[in-house]
Protein backbone atom coordinates (compact mmCIF):
# COMPACT_ATOMS: atom_id res chain seq x y z
CA MET A 1 29.92 120.65 91.60
CA THR A 2 26.57 118.89 91.66
CA ALA A 3 24.56 117.97 88.57
CA ALA A 4 22.26 120.89 89.31
CA ASP A 5 25.24 123.27 89.28
CA ALA A 6 26.65 122.00 85.95
CA PRO A 7 25.98 123.94 82.74
CA ILE A 8 22.70 122.88 81.17
CA ALA A 9 23.20 120.24 78.48
CA ASP A 10 21.19 117.65 76.58
CA GLU A 11 21.58 114.17 78.05
CA THR A 12 22.19 111.03 76.00
CA ALA A 13 19.51 108.41 76.58
CA SER A 14 18.82 105.10 74.90
CA TYR A 15 15.98 102.61 75.21
CA GLU A 16 15.67 99.20 73.57
CA VAL A 17 14.05 99.28 70.14
CA THR A 18 12.11 96.03 69.92
CA GLU A 19 10.96 96.53 66.33
CA SER A 20 11.88 99.02 63.61
CA THR A 21 10.31 99.19 60.16
CA VAL A 22 10.27 101.61 57.25
CA VAL A 23 6.59 102.47 56.77
CA TYR A 24 7.18 104.85 53.88
CA GLU A 25 10.14 104.85 51.50
CA GLY A 26 10.51 108.31 50.01
CA ALA A 27 12.49 109.84 47.17
CA VAL A 28 14.75 111.74 49.59
CA TRP A 29 14.17 110.21 53.03
CA ASP A 30 12.04 107.56 54.71
CA VAL A 31 9.50 107.45 57.51
CA ARG A 32 10.42 104.88 60.16
CA ARG A 33 8.24 103.33 62.90
CA ASP A 34 9.98 102.16 66.06
CA HIS A 35 8.54 100.15 68.92
CA VAL A 36 10.46 101.19 72.02
CA ASP A 37 10.56 99.45 75.39
CA TYR A 38 10.15 102.57 77.50
CA ASP A 39 10.37 101.53 81.16
CA GLY A 40 8.42 98.36 80.45
CA HIS A 41 5.82 99.96 78.22
CA ASP A 42 5.60 99.56 74.43
CA MET A 43 5.92 103.05 72.97
CA VAL A 44 5.43 103.53 69.21
CA ARG A 45 7.07 106.49 67.50
CA GLU A 46 7.23 107.42 63.81
CA TYR A 47 9.81 109.86 62.49
CA ILE A 48 11.68 110.97 59.41
CA ASP A 49 14.78 108.82 59.06
CA HIS A 50 17.13 111.51 57.80
CA THR A 51 20.63 111.38 56.32
CA GLY A 52 21.79 114.53 58.12
CA ALA A 53 22.71 117.87 56.59
CA VAL A 54 25.12 120.78 56.59
CA ALA A 55 24.79 124.53 56.10
CA VAL A 56 27.27 127.34 55.52
CA PHE A 57 27.31 130.78 57.14
CA ALA A 58 29.63 132.50 54.63
CA GLU A 59 30.87 136.05 55.23
CA ASP A 60 32.71 138.43 52.92
CA ASP A 61 35.45 140.90 53.89
CA GLU A 62 32.80 143.51 54.77
CA GLY A 63 31.08 141.16 57.21
CA ARG A 64 28.07 140.60 55.00
CA VAL A 65 26.43 137.16 54.94
CA LEU A 66 25.64 135.15 51.82
CA VAL A 67 22.00 134.11 51.63
CA ILE A 68 20.22 132.31 48.83
CA GLN A 69 16.56 132.34 47.89
CA GLN A 70 14.85 129.32 46.42
CA TYR A 71 11.42 127.71 46.28
CA ARG A 72 10.61 125.30 49.11
CA HIS A 73 7.53 123.29 48.31
CA PRO A 74 6.52 121.97 51.77
CA VAL A 75 6.19 125.52 53.16
CA GLN A 76 5.11 127.18 49.87
CA LEU A 77 7.78 129.86 50.15
CA ARG A 78 10.72 131.22 48.24
CA ASP A 79 12.62 131.59 51.46
CA TRP A 80 15.99 133.13 52.20
CA GLU A 81 18.39 130.59 53.64
CA LEU A 82 22.02 129.57 53.88
CA PRO A 83 23.69 127.35 51.30
CA ALA A 84 22.91 123.89 52.63
CA GLY A 85 22.39 120.30 51.65
CA LEU A 86 22.14 116.66 52.63
CA LEU A 87 25.06 114.40 53.36
CA ASP A 88 25.64 112.30 50.26
CA HIS A 89 26.10 109.11 52.28
CA GLU A 90 26.11 107.92 55.87
CA GLY A 91 29.30 108.92 57.62
CA GLU A 92 30.29 111.57 55.06
CA ASP A 93 32.69 114.14 56.46
CA HIS A 94 30.58 117.18 57.37
CA LEU A 95 33.17 119.75 56.34
CA THR A 96 33.62 118.11 52.94
CA ALA A 97 29.85 118.22 52.46
CA ALA A 98 29.67 121.89 53.48
CA GLN A 99 32.43 122.84 51.05
CA ARG A 100 30.61 120.97 48.28
CA GLU A 101 27.30 122.72 49.02
CA LEU A 102 28.86 126.19 48.99
CA GLY A 103 30.29 125.41 45.56
CA GLU A 104 27.16 123.79 44.16
CA GLU A 105 24.67 126.38 45.39
CA ALA A 106 26.69 129.60 45.22
CA ASP A 107 29.77 128.93 43.04
CA LEU A 108 32.00 129.89 45.97
CA GLU A 109 34.85 128.45 47.99
CA ALA A 110 36.46 129.66 51.20
CA ASP A 111 39.89 129.68 52.85
CA HIS A 112 38.78 129.52 56.48
CA TRP A 113 36.19 127.13 57.95
CA GLU A 114 35.02 126.79 61.55
CA PRO A 115 32.26 124.64 63.04
CA LEU A 116 29.61 127.07 64.27
CA VAL A 117 26.64 125.19 65.71
CA ARG A 118 24.96 121.79 65.46
CA TYR A 119 21.26 121.35 66.11
CA ASN A 120 18.32 119.00 65.66
CA THR A 121 15.59 120.35 63.40
CA SER A 122 12.62 118.61 65.07
CA SER A 123 13.45 116.31 67.97
CA GLY A 124 9.94 114.88 68.11
CA GLY A 125 9.61 114.10 64.41
CA SER A 126 13.03 113.68 62.79
CA ASP A 127 16.50 112.37 63.61
CA GLU A 128 18.04 115.08 61.40
CA PHE A 129 20.96 117.09 62.75
CA ILE A 130 22.37 120.04 60.82
CA GLN A 131 26.01 121.02 61.27
CA VAL A 132 26.55 124.67 60.37
CA TYR A 133 29.99 125.97 59.44
CA ARG A 134 31.23 129.55 59.40
CA ALA A 135 33.23 130.26 56.24
CA ARG A 136 35.46 133.27 55.59
CA GLY A 137 37.99 134.24 52.96
CA VAL A 138 35.34 133.59 50.32
CA ARG A 139 35.98 133.76 46.56
CA ALA A 140 34.40 132.55 43.34
CA THR A 141 35.10 129.02 42.12
CA ALA A 142 36.92 128.52 38.81
CA SER A 143 33.72 127.40 37.10
CA ALA A 144 29.97 127.62 37.73
CA PHE A 145 27.95 124.60 38.84
CA GLU A 146 25.07 123.50 36.60
CA ARG A 147 21.91 123.55 38.73
CA GLU A 148 18.46 122.07 38.05
CA ALA A 149 14.87 122.01 39.42
CA GLU A 150 14.31 124.57 42.19
CA GLU A 151 18.04 125.20 42.40
CA ALA A 152 18.15 126.44 38.78
CA ASP A 153 16.68 129.83 39.71
CA ILE A 154 18.47 130.39 43.01
CA VAL A 155 18.94 134.07 43.84
CA THR A 156 22.03 135.06 45.86
CA ARG A 157 22.49 138.15 47.97
CA TRP A 158 25.10 139.49 50.41
CA VAL A 159 23.29 140.97 53.43
CA PRO A 160 24.63 142.72 56.56
CA ARG A 161 24.24 140.50 59.61
CA ALA A 162 22.30 143.23 61.46
CA GLU A 163 19.71 143.24 58.67
CA LEU A 164 19.30 139.47 59.01
CA VAL A 165 18.90 139.71 62.79
CA GLU A 166 16.25 142.39 62.37
CA GLY A 167 14.43 140.33 59.73
CA ILE A 168 14.47 137.23 61.94
CA LEU A 169 13.12 139.05 65.00
CA ALA A 170 10.45 140.72 62.86
CA GLY A 171 9.33 137.33 61.53
CA ARG A 172 10.23 138.02 57.88
CA LEU A 173 12.99 135.37 57.78
CA GLN A 174 12.03 131.93 59.07
CA ASN A 175 14.42 129.31 57.69
CA SER A 176 15.73 127.38 60.68
CA ALA A 177 19.41 127.15 59.71
CA LEU A 178 19.47 130.86 58.86
CA VAL A 179 17.81 131.75 62.18
CA VAL A 180 20.03 129.53 64.33
CA ALA A 181 23.31 130.44 62.63
CA THR A 182 22.66 134.17 62.43
CA LEU A 183 21.70 134.47 66.08
CA ALA A 184 24.65 132.25 67.08
CA VAL A 185 27.16 134.45 65.22
CA ASP A 186 25.50 137.58 66.58
CA ALA A 187 25.89 136.18 70.12
CA ILE A 188 29.53 135.25 69.46
CA GLU A 189 30.34 138.71 68.12
CA ARG A 190 28.68 140.28 71.16
CA GLY A 191 30.78 138.04 73.41
CA ALA A 192 27.87 135.95 74.66
CA GLY A 193 29.00 132.57 73.38
CA LYS A 194 31.97 130.45 72.39
CA GLN A 195 32.41 129.03 68.92
CA GLY A 196 33.42 125.45 68.22
CA THR A 197 30.59 122.92 68.41
CA THR A 198 31.69 120.02 66.24
CA ALA A 199 29.87 117.36 64.28
């Protein structure tokens, strides 16, 4: 099999970073400026230096999907999304983080967890990757988590997957993790893909 015949896949590439500085130190993440020796030319790129994140595609026994609605200031929306959150520290186990976020944002835990899909949110502007897990056998936690700020008025809803697919294709639902995960599960259930991309 030649390279042209192989399944399409992203290719790892690395170029020497000759200088790297934090040009803005933020409350949640930083903006970093790298000087890169790109084939003998000095290339300058700035990007969000992100901790990484996880999201949870949780389904109940009826096949409905848990979505949460909360205010997102950068896009000026109360969007519908999956329970999700940042890694607490570099190298944190992604599954542990996903289980924590499901508890903190929805007061739920699950018996069965599978890695669903991993993707980069903006390859030209951020080094953030989100690992999405599929969670089933869902039940309420023993106690409720005390939320604050925009998480204090989170709204939760269980929605049939077909309704989410329709909303995504109609442009009513735009959160990236919700879009990617919903369409991935829909493809899996239709037999068009294989589950199991790991962090």
